[in-house]
């Protein structure tokens, strides 16, 4: 009952750092365009409805 069990990590247990870094670098390249599109899309619809109905 006094045995200690150690969880065995796979050989590539630290690959998540490389994956996270790759995702972060890819996000940095497209962050501005993504946020601009996210904010501009509703404004385009509001402008279109405003000019069409007004």
N, C-alpha and C. Protein backbone atom coordinates (compact mmCIF):
# COMPACT_ATOMS: atom_id res chain seq x y z
N UNK A 1 0.82 -1.19 0.00
CA UNK A 1 0.00 0.00 0.00
C UNK A 1 0.86 1.26 0.00
N UNK A 2 2.10 1.13 0.39
CA UNK A 2 2.99 2.27 0.43
C UNK A 2 3.71 2.50 -0.90
N UNK A 3 3.27 1.82 -1.94
CA UNK A 3 3.92 1.98 -3.24
C UNK A 3 3.59 3.34 -3.85
N UNK A 4 4.56 3.86 -4.55
CA UNK A 4 4.34 5.13 -5.25
C UNK A 4 4.27 4.84 -6.73
N UNK A 5 3.28 5.42 -7.35
CA UNK A 5 3.12 5.26 -8.78
C UNK A 5 3.43 6.59 -9.45
N UNK A 6 4.32 6.57 -10.39
CA UNK A 6 4.66 7.78 -11.13
C UNK A 6 4.02 7.67 -12.51
N UNK A 7 3.39 8.72 -12.91
CA UNK A 7 2.78 8.73 -14.24
C UNK A 7 3.89 8.81 -15.28
N UNK A 8 3.84 7.91 -16.21
CA UNK A 8 4.86 7.89 -17.26
C UNK A 8 4.41 8.83 -18.38
N UNK A 9 5.23 9.82 -18.66
CA UNK A 9 4.92 10.75 -19.73
C UNK A 9 5.45 10.19 -21.05
N UNK A 10 4.74 10.44 -22.12
CA UNK A 10 5.27 10.01 -23.42
C UNK A 10 6.55 10.77 -23.75
N UNK A 11 7.28 10.25 -24.70
CA UNK A 11 8.57 10.85 -25.06
C UNK A 11 8.39 12.27 -25.59
N UNK A 12 7.27 12.56 -26.22
CA UNK A 12 7.05 13.88 -26.81
C UNK A 12 6.08 14.71 -25.98
N UNK A 13 6.20 14.63 -24.67
CA UNK A 13 5.25 15.32 -23.78
C UNK A 13 5.34 16.83 -23.88
N UNK A 14 6.46 17.36 -24.31
CA UNK A 14 6.63 18.81 -24.37
C UNK A 14 6.34 19.37 -25.74
N UNK A 15 5.77 18.58 -26.64
CA UNK A 15 5.44 19.08 -27.98
C UNK A 15 4.33 20.12 -27.94
N UNK A 16 3.57 20.17 -26.86
CA UNK A 16 2.49 21.16 -26.79
C UNK A 16 3.04 22.58 -26.84
N UNK A 17 4.27 22.77 -26.38
CA UNK A 17 4.86 24.10 -26.43
C UNK A 17 5.09 24.51 -27.88
N UNK A 18 5.59 23.60 -28.68
CA UNK A 18 5.82 23.91 -30.10
C UNK A 18 4.50 24.17 -30.82
N UNK A 19 3.48 23.41 -30.49
CA UNK A 19 2.17 23.60 -31.11
C UNK A 19 1.58 24.94 -30.69
N UNK A 20 1.68 25.27 -29.41
CA UNK A 20 1.16 26.55 -28.93
C UNK A 20 1.89 27.70 -29.59
N UNK A 21 3.21 27.59 -29.72
CA UNK A 21 4.00 28.66 -30.34
C UNK A 21 3.62 28.82 -31.81
N UNK A 22 3.43 27.71 -32.52
CA UNK A 22 3.03 27.78 -33.92
C UNK A 22 1.66 28.45 -34.06
N UNK A 23 0.72 28.08 -33.20
CA UNK A 23 -0.61 28.69 -33.24
C UNK A 23 -0.55 30.18 -32.91
N UNK A 24 0.28 30.54 -31.95
CA UNK A 24 0.42 31.95 -31.57
C UNK A 24 1.00 32.77 -32.72
N UNK A 25 2.03 32.25 -33.37
CA UNK A 25 2.64 32.98 -34.48
C UNK A 25 1.67 33.11 -35.65
N UNK A 26 0.90 32.06 -35.92
CA UNK A 26 -0.08 32.13 -37.01
C UNK A 26 -1.18 33.13 -36.67
N UNK A 27 -1.61 33.16 -35.41
CA UNK A 27 -2.66 34.10 -35.00
C UNK A 27 -2.16 35.54 -35.11
N UNK A 28 -0.89 35.78 -34.75
CA UNK A 28 -0.36 37.13 -34.84
C UNK A 28 -0.37 37.66 -36.27
N UNK A 29 -0.22 36.78 -37.24
CA UNK A 29 -0.20 37.21 -38.64
C UNK A 29 -1.58 37.66 -39.12
N UNK A 30 -2.64 37.05 -38.61
CA UNK A 30 -3.98 37.33 -39.13
C UNK A 30 -4.88 38.02 -38.11
N UNK A 31 -4.34 38.41 -36.96
CA UNK A 31 -5.16 38.97 -35.89
C UNK A 31 -5.85 40.26 -36.30
N UNK A 32 -5.12 41.18 -36.92
CA UNK A 32 -5.70 42.47 -37.28
C UNK A 32 -6.82 42.30 -38.30
N UNK A 33 -6.57 41.51 -39.34
CA UNK A 33 -7.59 41.29 -40.37
C UNK A 33 -8.81 40.59 -39.80
N UNK A 34 -8.59 39.66 -38.90
CA UNK A 34 -9.70 38.94 -38.29
C UNK A 34 -10.56 39.87 -37.44
N UNK A 35 -9.92 40.69 -36.63
CA UNK A 35 -10.69 41.62 -35.78
C UNK A 35 -11.37 42.69 -36.61
N UNK A 36 -10.69 43.17 -37.65
CA UNK A 36 -11.29 44.18 -38.52
C UNK A 36 -12.54 43.62 -39.20
N UNK A 37 -12.45 42.42 -39.72
CA UNK A 37 -13.60 41.79 -40.36
C UNK A 37 -14.74 41.54 -39.39
N UNK A 38 -14.39 41.13 -38.18
CA UNK A 38 -15.40 40.87 -37.16
C UNK A 38 -16.15 42.14 -36.79
N UNK A 39 -15.46 43.26 -36.75
CA UNK A 39 -16.11 44.52 -36.40
C UNK A 39 -16.79 45.18 -37.59
N UNK A 40 -16.23 45.01 -38.78
CA UNK A 40 -16.76 45.69 -39.96
C UNK A 40 -18.02 45.02 -40.50
N UNK A 41 -18.13 43.72 -40.38
CA UNK A 41 -19.27 43.00 -40.96
C UNK A 41 -20.61 43.50 -40.42
N UNK A 42 -20.81 43.62 -39.11
CA UNK A 42 -22.09 44.15 -38.62
C UNK A 42 -22.33 45.60 -39.04
N UNK A 43 -21.26 46.38 -39.12
CA UNK A 43 -21.41 47.78 -39.52
C UNK A 43 -21.89 47.89 -40.97
N UNK A 44 -21.41 47.00 -41.82
CA UNK A 44 -21.85 47.00 -43.22
C UNK A 44 -23.34 46.70 -43.30
N UNK A 45 -23.80 45.71 -42.53
CA UNK A 45 -25.22 45.38 -42.53
C UNK A 45 -26.06 46.53 -41.98
N UNK A 46 -25.59 47.16 -40.90
CA UNK A 46 -26.34 48.29 -40.34
C UNK A 46 -26.40 49.45 -41.33
N UNK A 47 -25.31 49.72 -42.01
CA UNK A 47 -25.30 50.79 -43.01
C UNK A 47 -26.23 50.45 -44.17
N UNK A 48 -26.21 49.21 -44.60
CA UNK A 48 -27.08 48.78 -45.70
C UNK A 48 -28.55 48.89 -45.33
N UNK A 49 -28.91 48.48 -44.12
CA UNK A 49 -30.30 48.60 -43.69
C UNK A 49 -30.69 50.06 -43.50
N UNK A 50 -29.76 50.86 -43.01
CA UNK A 50 -30.05 52.28 -42.79
C UNK A 50 -30.31 53.01 -44.09
N UNK A 51 -29.53 52.72 -45.11
CA UNK A 51 -29.74 53.41 -46.39
C UNK A 51 -30.91 52.81 -47.15
N UNK A 52 -31.16 51.53 -46.97
CA UNK A 52 -32.26 50.89 -47.69
C UNK A 52 -33.62 51.23 -47.10
N UNK A 53 -33.71 51.31 -45.79
CA UNK A 53 -34.99 51.59 -45.14
C UNK A 53 -35.18 53.07 -44.86
N UNK A 54 -34.10 53.82 -44.84
CA UNK A 54 -34.19 55.24 -44.48
C UNK A 54 -34.32 56.07 -45.67
